[in-house]
Amino acid sequence: RRERKRDQVQSFALILAKLLGTLSRSNGAPSSPKQESGVRVVDFGSGTGALTLPLAFLFPEVHFHAVDMKPRSVELLLEKAAKAGLPNLT
């Protein structure tokens, strides 16, 4: 299961990187990892953040929104994000 999750994060990271590259080329300016890009990603069914947390770490310029039916899962995810210093995850 751990390998499957790692593969899933890598796949999403590659796709997001490609999309961000396309977006930064479309406005003529290179993207800066320290500058917010205005891009927002919503993770429906985020659970406790197995996918969202690593992506928020890898892409600090993107704002991630976690949504789940279970409020406790979102609480745990936000606690993890706070401990990891990820202000780009709500």
C-alpha atoms as a PDB file:
ATOM      1  CA  ARG A   1       0.000   0.000   0.000  1.00  0.00           C
ATOM      2  CA  ARG A   2       2.844   2.395   0.830  1.00  0.00           C
ATOM      3  CA  GLU A   3       4.375   1.903  -2.625  1.00  0.00           C
ATOM      4  CA  ARG A   4       1.030   2.536  -4.283  1.00  0.00           C
ATOM      5  CA  LYS A   5       0.611   5.796  -2.356  1.00  0.00           C
ATOM      6  CA  ARG A   6       4.164   6.867  -3.225  1.00  0.00           C
ATOM      7  CA  ASP A   7       3.485   6.160  -6.907  1.00  0.00           C
ATOM      8  CA  GLN A   8       0.256   8.124  -6.691  1.00  0.00           C
ATOM      9  CA  VAL A   9       2.035  11.163  -5.200  1.00  0.00           C
ATOM     10  CA  GLN A  10       4.760  10.979  -7.858  1.00  0.00           C
ATOM     11  CA  SER A  11       2.183  10.772 -10.654  1.00  0.00           C
ATOM     12  CA  PHE A  12       0.214  13.745  -9.362  1.00  0.00           C
ATOM     13  CA  ALA A  13       3.413  15.724  -8.802  1.00  0.00           C
ATOM     14  CA  LEU A  14       4.511  15.156 -12.400  1.00  0.00           C
ATOM     15  CA  ILE A  15       1.138  16.234 -13.758  1.00  0.00           C
ATOM     16  CA  LEU A  16       0.989  19.299 -11.519  1.00  0.00           C
ATOM     17  CA  ALA A  17       4.543  20.303 -12.438  1.00  0.00           C
ATOM     18  CA  LYS A  18       3.658  20.033 -16.106  1.00  0.00           C
ATOM     19  CA  LEU A  19       0.511  22.118 -15.636  1.00  0.00           C
ATOM     20  CA  LEU A  20       2.388  24.763 -13.656  1.00  0.00           C
ATOM     21  CA  GLY A  21       5.079  24.937 -16.329  1.00  0.00           C
ATOM     22  CA  THR A  22       2.398  25.515 -18.934  1.00  0.00           C
ATOM     23  CA  LEU A  23       0.747  28.171 -16.792  1.00  0.00           C
ATOM     24  CA  SER A  24       3.992  30.023 -16.132  1.00  0.00           C
ATOM     25  CA  ARG A  25       4.841  30.027 -19.852  1.00  0.00           C
ATOM     26  CA  SER A  26       1.381  31.346 -20.731  1.00  0.00           C
ATOM     27  CA  ASN A  27       1.863  34.550 -18.743  1.00  0.00           C
ATOM     28  CA  GLY A  28       5.443  34.975 -19.867  1.00  0.00           C
ATOM     29  CA  ALA A  29       7.024  34.856 -16.423  1.00  0.00           C
ATOM     30  CA  PRO A  30       8.930  31.969 -14.896  1.00  0.00           C
ATOM     31  CA  SER A  31       7.292  30.524 -11.818  1.00  0.00           C
ATOM     32  CA  SER A  32       9.027  31.125  -8.535  1.00  0.00           C
ATOM     33  CA  PRO A  33       8.634  28.547  -5.775  1.00  0.00           C
ATOM     34  CA  LYS A  34       8.563  31.317  -3.160  1.00  0.00           C
ATOM     35  CA  GLN A  35       5.795  33.257  -4.891  1.00  0.00           C
ATOM     36  CA  GLU A  36       2.178  32.111  -4.825  1.00  0.00           C
ATOM     37  CA  SER A  37       1.058  31.182  -8.325  1.00  0.00           C
ATOM     38  CA  GLY A  38      -2.661  31.764  -7.786  1.00  0.00           C
ATOM     39  CA  VAL A  39      -3.241  28.100  -8.646  1.00  0.00           C
ATOM     40  CA  ARG A  40      -5.568  26.238  -6.320  1.00  0.00           C
ATOM     41  CA  VAL A  41      -5.954  22.484  -6.067  1.00  0.00           C
ATOM     42  CA  VAL A  42      -8.930  20.847  -4.363  1.00  0.00           C
ATOM     43  CA  ASP A  43      -8.532  17.298  -3.053  1.00  0.00           C
ATOM     44  CA  PHE A  44     -12.005  15.806  -2.653  1.00  0.00           C
ATOM     45  CA  GLY A  45     -11.928  12.789  -0.351  1.00  0.00           C
ATOM     46  CA  SER A  46      -8.598  13.900   1.079  1.00  0.00           C
ATOM     47  CA  GLY A  47      -8.781  11.758   4.195  1.00  0.00           C
ATOM     48  CA  THR A  48      -5.872  12.596   6.486  1.00  0.00           C
ATOM     49  CA  GLY A  49      -3.706  13.904   3.662  1.00  0.00           C
ATOM     50  CA  ALA A  50      -1.651  11.016   2.255  1.00  0.00           C
ATOM     51  CA  LEU A  51      -1.692  12.750  -1.137  1.00  0.00           C
ATOM     52  CA  THR A  52      -2.255  16.388  -0.234  1.00  0.00           C
ATOM     53  CA  LEU A  53       0.480  16.822   2.391  1.00  0.00           C
ATOM     54  CA  PRO A  54       3.423  15.801   0.192  1.00  0.00           C
ATOM     55  CA  LEU A  55       2.077  17.816  -2.735  1.00  0.00           C
ATOM     56  CA  ALA A  56       1.699  20.914  -0.542  1.00  0.00           C
ATOM     57  CA  PHE A  57       5.314  20.455   0.530  1.00  0.00           C
ATOM     58  CA  LEU A  58       6.572  19.971  -3.041  1.00  0.00           C
ATOM     59  CA  PHE A  59       4.570  22.915  -4.441  1.00  0.00           C
ATOM     60  CA  PRO A  60       4.615  25.754  -1.894  1.00  0.00           C
ATOM     61  CA  GLU A  61       3.432  28.211  -4.566  1.00  0.00           C
ATOM     62  CA  VAL A  62       0.130  26.327  -4.975  1.00  0.00           C
ATOM     63  CA  HIS A  63      -2.717  26.521  -2.456  1.00  0.00           C
ATOM     64  CA  PHE A  64      -4.326  23.171  -1.624  1.00  0.00           C
ATOM     65  CA  HIS A  65      -7.847  22.735  -0.232  1.00  0.00           C
ATOM     66  CA  ALA A  66      -8.657  19.447   1.496  1.00  0.00           C
ATOM     67  CA  VAL A  67     -12.267  18.259   1.542  1.00  0.00           C
ATOM     68  CA  ASP A  68     -13.560  15.131   3.228  1.00  0.00           C
ATOM     69  CA  MET A  69     -16.902  13.870   4.563  1.00  0.00           C
ATOM     70  CA  LYS A  70     -15.310  13.103   7.920  1.00  0.00           C
ATOM     71  CA  PRO A  71     -14.532  16.284   9.867  1.00  0.00           C
ATOM     72  CA  ARG A  72     -12.048  14.424  12.078  1.00  0.00           C
ATOM     73  CA  SER A  73      -9.980  13.446   9.025  1.00  0.00           C
ATOM     74  CA  VAL A  74      -9.729  17.075   7.970  1.00  0.00           C
ATOM     75  CA  GLU A  75      -8.823  18.098  11.534  1.00  0.00           C
ATOM     76  CA  LEU A  76      -5.979  15.561  11.566  1.00  0.00           C
ATOM     77  CA  LEU A  77      -4.794  16.704   8.141  1.00  0.00           C
ATOM     78  CA  LEU A  78      -4.724  20.348   9.226  1.00  0.00           C
ATOM     79  CA  GLU A  79      -2.856  19.446  12.425  1.00  0.00           C
ATOM     80  CA  LYS A  80      -0.239  17.620  10.336  1.00  0.00           C
ATOM     81  CA  ALA A  81      -0.007  20.585   7.957  1.00  0.00           C
ATOM     82  CA  ALA A  82       0.535  22.990  10.868  1.00  0.00           C
ATOM     83  CA  LYS A  83       3.241  20.767  12.370  1.00  0.00           C
ATOM     84  CA  ALA A  84       4.947  20.538   8.972  1.00  0.00           C
ATOM     85  CA  GLY A  85       4.780  24.310   8.463  1.00  0.00           C
ATOM     86  CA  LEU A  86       2.560  24.164   5.380  1.00  0.00           C
ATOM     87  CA  PRO A  87       0.555  27.405   5.231  1.00  0.00           C
ATOM     88  CA  ASN A  88      -0.595  26.581   1.692  1.00  0.00           C
ATOM     89  CA  LEU A  89      -2.992  23.848   2.873  1.00  0.00           C
ATOM     90  CA  THR A  90      -6.517  24.515   4.196  1.00  0.00           C
END
